[in-house]
Amino acid sequence: MTDTNKKLLYNVGGVVAGAVLATVAIFGLIAQQGSVTQPQKFSSTISYNQ
């Protein structure tokens, strides 16, 4: 295998690995945001004691 082929192989491998990691990160963020459920109550008065 020539040096040029090795460089090409590493570049392609890096692109594939980067795409997989980006996909996992995006799906992780979507799953995390989807699991956050806070009931929102509208009130015309502001209450500072929770």
PDB file of N, CA and C in Angstrom:
ATOM      1  N   MET A   1       0.858  -1.194   0.000  1.00  0.00           N
ATOM      2  CA  MET A   1       0.000   0.000   0.000  1.00  0.00           C
ATOM      3  C   MET A   1       0.892   1.240   0.000  1.00  0.00           C
ATOM      4  N   THR A   2       0.632   2.131  -0.918  1.00  0.00           N
ATOM      5  CA  THR A   2       1.463   3.317  -1.026  1.00  0.00           C
ATOM      6  C   THR A   2       1.087   4.332   0.040  1.00  0.00           C
ATOM      7  N   ASP A   3       1.939   5.329   0.183  1.00  0.00           N
ATOM      8  CA  ASP A   3       1.718   6.365   1.194  1.00  0.00           C
ATOM      9  C   ASP A   3       0.448   7.168   0.889  1.00  0.00           C
ATOM     10  N   THR A   4       0.197   7.393  -0.395  1.00  0.00           N
ATOM     11  CA  THR A   4      -0.997   8.145  -0.789  1.00  0.00           C
ATOM     12  C   THR A   4      -2.267   7.376  -0.431  1.00  0.00           C
ATOM     13  N   ASN A   5      -2.255   6.064  -0.651  1.00  0.00           N
ATOM     14  CA  ASN A   5      -3.420   5.250  -0.309  1.00  0.00           C
ATOM     15  C   ASN A   5      -3.671   5.254   1.192  1.00  0.00           C
ATOM     16  N   LYS A   6      -2.595   5.229   1.984  1.00  0.00           N
ATOM     17  CA  LYS A   6      -2.744   5.267   3.440  1.00  0.00           C
ATOM     18  C   LYS A   6      -3.392   6.577   3.879  1.00  0.00           C
ATOM     19  N   LYS A   7      -2.920   7.673   3.304  1.00  0.00           N
ATOM     20  CA  LYS A   7      -3.487   8.983   3.660  1.00  0.00           C
ATOM     21  C   LYS A   7      -4.969   9.040   3.308  1.00  0.00           C
ATOM     22  N   LEU A   8      -5.309   8.530   2.131  1.00  0.00           N
ATOM     23  CA  LEU A   8      -6.709   8.525   1.698  1.00  0.00           C
ATOM     24  C   LEU A   8      -7.552   7.660   2.625  1.00  0.00           C
ATOM     25  N   LEU A   9      -6.999   6.505   2.996  1.00  0.00           N
ATOM     26  CA  LEU A   9      -7.726   5.600   3.887  1.00  0.00           C
ATOM     27  C   LEU A   9      -7.963   6.247   5.246  1.00  0.00           C
ATOM     28  N   TYR A  10      -6.948   6.914   5.785  1.00  0.00           N
ATOM     29  CA  TYR A  10      -7.104   7.593   7.079  1.00  0.00           C
ATOM     30  C   TYR A  10      -8.101   8.745   6.978  1.00  0.00           C
ATOM     31  N   ASN A  11      -8.076   9.471   5.872  1.00  0.00           N
ATOM     32  CA  ASN A  11      -9.027  10.569   5.697  1.00  0.00           C
ATOM     33  C   ASN A  11     -10.458  10.065   5.642  1.00  0.00           C
ATOM     34  N   VAL A  12     -10.675   9.000   4.867  1.00  0.00           N
ATOM     35  CA  VAL A  12     -12.020   8.431   4.762  1.00  0.00           C
ATOM     36  C   VAL A  12     -12.461   7.883   6.113  1.00  0.00           C
ATOM     37  N   GLY A  13     -11.574   7.194   6.810  1.00  0.00           N
ATOM     38  CA  GLY A  13     -11.887   6.663   8.139  1.00  0.00           C
ATOM     39  C   GLY A  13     -12.215   7.769   9.127  1.00  0.00           C
ATOM     40  N   GLY A  14     -11.477   8.866   9.050  1.00  0.00           N
ATOM     41  CA  GLY A  14     -11.736  10.002   9.934  1.00  0.00           C
ATOM     42  C   GLY A  14     -13.079  10.643   9.660  1.00  0.00           C
ATOM     43  N   VAL A  15     -13.432  10.749   8.392  1.00  0.00           N
ATOM     44  CA  VAL A  15     -14.724  11.331   8.026  1.00  0.00           C
ATOM     45  C   VAL A  15     -15.860  10.448   8.529  1.00  0.00           C
ATOM     46  N   VAL A  16     -15.725   9.139   8.346  1.00  0.00           N
ATOM     47  CA  VAL A  16     -16.763   8.209   8.791  1.00  0.00           C
ATOM     48  C   VAL A  16     -16.888   8.252  10.313  1.00  0.00           C
ATOM     49  N   ALA A  17     -15.761   8.214  11.017  1.00  0.00           N
ATOM     50  CA  ALA A  17     -15.791   8.255  12.483  1.00  0.00           C
ATOM     51  C   ALA A  17     -16.388   9.569  12.972  1.00  0.00           C
ATOM     52  N   GLY A  18     -16.039  10.669  12.335  1.00  0.00           N
ATOM     53  CA  GLY A  18     -16.589  11.970  12.722  1.00  0.00           C
ATOM     54  C   GLY A  18     -18.086  12.044  12.503  1.00  0.00           C
ATOM     55  N   ALA A  19     -18.549  11.484  11.393  1.00  0.00           N
ATOM     56  CA  ALA A  19     -19.987  11.498  11.113  1.00  0.00           C
ATOM     57  C   ALA A  19     -20.747  10.656  12.127  1.00  0.00           C
ATOM     58  N   VAL A  20     -20.182   9.518  12.501  1.00  0.00           N
ATOM     59  CA  VAL A  20     -20.837   8.661  13.498  1.00  0.00           C
ATOM     60  C   VAL A  20     -20.901   9.373  14.842  1.00  0.00           C
ATOM     61  N   LEU A  21     -19.802   9.980  15.254  1.00  0.00           N
ATOM     62  CA  LEU A  21     -19.785  10.695  16.531  1.00  0.00           C
ATOM     63  C   LEU A  21     -20.753  11.872  16.529  1.00  0.00           C
ATOM     64  N   ALA A  22     -20.826  12.610  15.433  1.00  0.00           N
ATOM     65  CA  ALA A  22     -21.753  13.732  15.340  1.00  0.00           C
ATOM     66  C   ALA A  22     -23.192  13.258  15.421  1.00  0.00           C
ATOM     67  N   THR A  23     -23.492  12.146  14.757  1.00  0.00           N
ATOM     68  CA  THR A  23     -24.851  11.598  14.794  1.00  0.00           C
ATOM     69  C   THR A  23     -25.227  11.181  16.208  1.00  0.00           C
ATOM     70  N   VAL A  24     -24.312  10.509  16.892  1.00  0.00           N
ATOM     71  CA  VAL A  24     -24.583  10.087  18.270  1.00  0.00           C
ATOM     72  C   VAL A  24     -24.786  11.296  19.171  1.00  0.00           C
ATOM     73  N   ALA A  25     -23.977  12.334  18.992  1.00  0.00           N
ATOM     74  CA  ALA A  25     -24.093  13.532  19.818  1.00  0.00           C
ATOM     75  C   ALA A  25     -25.433  14.232  19.581  1.00  0.00           C
ATOM     76  N   ILE A  26     -25.840  14.339  18.325  1.00  0.00           N
ATOM     77  CA  ILE A  26     -27.107  15.010  18.005  1.00  0.00           C
ATOM     78  C   ILE A  26     -28.275  14.240  18.591  1.00  0.00           C
ATOM     79  N   PHE A  27     -28.276  12.904  18.414  1.00  0.00           N
ATOM     80  CA  PHE A  27     -29.364  12.103  18.961  1.00  0.00           C
ATOM     81  C   PHE A  27     -29.363  12.149  20.484  1.00  0.00           C
ATOM     82  N   GLY A  28     -28.188  12.223  21.094  1.00  0.00           N
ATOM     83  CA  GLY A  28     -28.107  12.345  22.550  1.00  0.00           C
ATOM     84  C   GLY A  28     -28.716  13.634  23.036  1.00  0.00           C
ATOM     85  N   LEU A  29     -28.437  14.729  22.333  1.00  0.00           N
ATOM     86  CA  LEU A  29     -29.020  16.019  22.716  1.00  0.00           C
ATOM     87  C   LEU A  29     -30.534  16.019  22.542  1.00  0.00           C
ATOM     88  N   ILE A  30     -31.007  15.434  21.454  1.00  0.00           N
ATOM     89  CA  ILE A  30     -32.454  15.371  21.219  1.00  0.00           C
ATOM     90  C   ILE A  30     -33.124  14.539  22.308  1.00  0.00           C
ATOM     91  N   ALA A  31     -32.518  13.411  22.669  1.00  0.00           N
ATOM     92  CA  ALA A  31     -33.094  12.556  23.711  1.00  0.00           C
ATOM     93  C   ALA A  31     -33.092  13.271  25.052  1.00  0.00           C
ATOM     94  N   GLN A  32     -32.029  14.014  25.334  1.00  0.00           N
ATOM     95  CA  GLN A  32     -31.942  14.717  26.615  1.00  0.00           C
ATOM     96  C   GLN A  32     -32.991  15.825  26.688  1.00  0.00           C
ATOM     97  N   GLN A  33     -33.150  16.569  25.619  1.00  0.00           N
ATOM     98  CA  GLN A  33     -34.136  17.648  25.618  1.00  0.00           C
ATOM     99  C   GLN A  33     -35.549  17.104  25.675  1.00  0.00           C
ATOM    100  N   GLY A  34     -35.768  15.954  25.066  1.00  0.00           N
ATOM    101  CA  GLY A  34     -37.101  15.365  25.063  1.00  0.00           C
ATOM    102  C   GLY A  34     -37.511  14.844  26.421  1.00  0.00           C
ATOM    103  N   SER A  35     -36.524  14.471  27.250  1.00  0.00           N
ATOM    104  CA  SER A  35     -36.860  13.901  28.551  1.00  0.00           C
ATOM    105  C   SER A  35     -37.117  14.967  29.603  1.00  0.00           C
ATOM    106  N   VAL A  36     -36.779  16.218  29.305  1.00  0.00           N
ATOM    107  CA  VAL A  36     -37.001  17.298  30.268  1.00  0.00           C
ATOM    108  C   VAL A  36     -38.460  17.727  30.184  1.00  0.00           C
ATOM    109  N   THR A  37     -39.174  17.496  31.258  1.00  0.00           N
ATOM    110  CA  THR A  37     -40.582  17.902  31.287  1.00  0.00           C
ATOM    111  C   THR A  37     -40.821  18.714  32.541  1.00  0.00           C
ATOM    112  N   GLN A  38     -41.046  19.989  32.356  1.00  0.00           N
ATOM    113  CA  GLN A  38     -41.377  20.859  33.472  1.00  0.00           C
ATOM    114  C   GLN A  38     -42.732  21.481  33.193  1.00  0.00           C
ATOM    115  N   PRO A  39     -43.670  21.265  34.081  1.00  0.00           N
ATOM    116  CA  PRO A  39     -44.976  21.875  33.857  1.00  0.00           C
ATOM    117  C   PRO A  39     -44.889  23.398  33.948  1.00  0.00           C
ATOM    118  N   GLN A  40     -45.461  24.049  32.966  1.00  0.00           N
ATOM    119  CA  GLN A  40     -45.442  25.504  32.960  1.00  0.00           C
ATOM    120  C   GLN A  40     -46.814  26.017  33.359  1.00  0.00           C
ATOM    121  N   LYS A  41     -46.810  26.807  34.417  1.00  0.00           N
ATOM    122  CA  LYS A  41     -48.069  27.385  34.890  1.00  0.00           C
ATOM    123  C   LYS A  41     -48.030  28.885  34.643  1.00  0.00           C
ATOM    124  N   PHE A  42     -49.057  29.388  34.024  1.00  0.00           N
ATOM    125  CA  PHE A  42     -49.134  30.820  33.768  1.00  0.00           C
ATOM    126  C   PHE A  42     -49.815  31.484  34.941  1.00  0.00           C
ATOM    127  N   SER A  43     -49.203  32.561  35.412  1.00  0.00           N
ATOM    128  CA  SER A  43     -49.796  33.340  36.486  1.00  0.00           C
ATOM    129  C   SER A  43     -49.528  34.800  36.223  1.00  0.00           C
ATOM    130  N   SER A  44     -50.525  35.615  36.458  1.00  0.00           N
ATOM    131  CA  SER A  44     -50.330  37.039  36.205  1.00  0.00           C
ATOM    132  C   SER A  44     -49.553  37.704  37.341  1.00  0.00           C
ATOM    133  N   THR A  45     -49.439  37.040  38.485  1.00  0.00           N
ATOM    134  CA  THR A  45     -48.643  37.577  39.584  1.00  0.00           C
ATOM    135  C   THR A  45     -47.342  36.795  39.682  1.00  0.00           C
ATOM    136  N   ILE A  46     -46.296  37.490  40.056  1.00  0.00           N
ATOM    137  CA  ILE A  46     -44.991  36.872  40.166  1.00  0.00           C
ATOM    138  C   ILE A  46     -44.787  36.425  41.611  1.00  0.00           C
ATOM    139  N   SER A  47     -44.499  35.132  41.764  1.00  0.00           N
ATOM    140  CA  SER A  47     -44.256  34.588  43.094  1.00  0.00           C
ATOM    141  C   SER A  47     -42.812  34.118  43.175  1.00  0.00           C
ATOM    142  N   TYR A  48     -42.082  34.599  44.155  1.00  0.00           N
ATOM    143  CA  TYR A  48     -40.662  34.256  44.277  1.00  0.00           C
ATOM    144  C   TYR A  48     -40.431  33.096  45.233  1.00  0.00           C
ATOM    145  N   ASN A  49     -41.416  32.723  46.048  1.00  0.00           N
ATOM    146  CA  ASN A  49     -41.242  31.585  46.938  1.00  0.00           C
ATOM    147  C   ASN A  49     -41.774  30.344  46.241  1.00  0.00           C
ATOM    148  N   GLN A  50     -40.897  29.359  46.126  1.00  0.00           N
ATOM    149  CA  GLN A  50     -41.261  28.186  45.355  1.00  0.00           C
ATOM    150  C   GLN A  50     -41.853  27.154  46.262  1.00  0.00           C
TER     151      GLN A  50
END
